[in-house]
């Protein structure tokens, strides 16, 4: 097997040596050498890695060559079809699974078609294919840059105890995110339909039927809320207004945001996408401003007395507890969450395979560079104690120390808008995942036909948005605000690592079971192994006692978020058992699938209860 990924290693080694030589020449004799060498060495490594990825994958992203099992004739046909930008699904020009070379025989079609609906049925209805490379890139950026980079550095620093360890975790998060991105690229280009992990789990874990789907559904519906960023929005708006965050004023604002976004996407979907894209661009501008301000602080030309204080003995006070690092890593990965955003909405994407391979690395790459430099900026403007005590307003603290209280309030508005953009992006994606679950026949209250529809406009899934709204309301009004944010981050992260584990296992299973299957993108297997090893560590380490004995969400037990995450997935197991096994046996019926087309053109699988003779 020939992998294009390693073809430019020697050239990139020379590039990295050049960068490091530049560092040694430029930095000699300066008392700031530790900080600058750390920044430039990190940038050198990242630039070398990025150039390697760019040069090695350029053919894969833009004009990839056929991989194993991919005929030249098929590839020519696929390239021609990918160049066709027609949006009309009914015209037959879209990239179907048959055109992907997957449906080679009736038996293979049965294996490779996830769920009950065919590709053509699954992609019918809705607004058509209207998301291009730019919108998909902004969809990823809008999800990744939410409140995480503005809010979580304080809790991450609190967990690991040192600036150096905190920065290393941000680098680790970047590496894990790119490994995960490449794995999801392989799955997404094999199965270019909406749903993300739902589709990939269905393709691998077919028996018991629907078990993997319903476990994923429990996680997606019960933990797919956007409450955390609603809380951040409310908190920062109150700071900007000079008001204290009371028990109900913060929650009231958060609820108002959630209702506004739900009906924005449900009633005016095109306006929602436009606002989503504009806020994504706005968030990039905000982070660039933070980064540039950090450079000015490091130059010594601001009111900050000693911008290099945190970088002396940067690893002093580092935690020695595996639990602390695992919990902090969950928060870092939460801040990077969003690199798989396009995988969930593939039915809405023009030229889905090509677009996914361009938008994914581009969006994550933009965010990675901004994230690493923003963290350096934070640590240059405030002491470690100030950052830890800042809670969810660390970026406001940064600008307050640099420019004063007026700038602190102004930045709070910017952070609030960034969190709003994240809520809009997450809600847009979550609604379509919920719709895919309903289309697949997952039993929901009042029947799944309503939840699978694009009611009332015929273009946007308001019922799917309502499914997303309900758990968000519960989480916003439920736990106390002062511990809600860190606990929500932990609870959201743990079940996702369980899903990641089974996704990577499924990747290797398909490589073994179907070695000649057509894969427009193929991840280098050591990256998948690294991602799998990290998932295993993140599943085990949280149960080890942290150094302080209580974790970061006292008075709650440090392991509670793991148990809550596992319990939610176990709810899916019980739901599946009741629907597929217990109720049919008790009442003497069998489940018979039937496909129906709704008034808006959406196809849905409906299960009828047929009395057994």
Foldseek 3Di string as FASTA:
>chain_A
DDALLCVCVVVLVVQLVVQLVVLCVVQPPDPCSLVVVVVSNVVSVVVSVVVSCCVSCVCLQAPPDFDFLDDPVLSVQLVVLLPDQDFDLVVVSACFLVSLVQPPDPVSCVLQAFFDDGRSQQLWFFDTADDELLLLLLLLLLQLQALLLQFLLLVLCVLFVFQVVSLVLLVVLLLLLVLVLQLQLQVCLNPLGAQRLLRLCSSQCPPPHCLVNLLVVLLLLQLLALLLLLLLLLCLLCLLVVHDDDQVSSLVSSLVLLVVLLVCCQPPVVVLSVLLSVLSVLSLVLLVVLLVLLVVLVVVPFLQDFLCVRSVPRNPRTFPALQSSLLSSLSSNSSSPRLCLCSNHSSRHRSSSSSNSNSNVVSSVSVSVSSSSSSSSLSRQDPSVCSNVVHRRSVLVSCCSGPNSNVSSVVSNSSSSSNSSNNSSSLQRSLSNQLSSLQSAQDDPPHSVLQNASPPPRHGRSSSSVSNSVSSSCLSNPDGSRQSNSLSSLLSRLLVLVSLLVSLVSVVVCCVVPVSRTGSRDRDVVSSVVSNVSSVSSNPRQVTATPVRADDRPPDRSCVSNVVNVVSSVVSVVSCCVVQPVVCVVQAWHWDWDWDADPSRRIGIHTDTHHDD
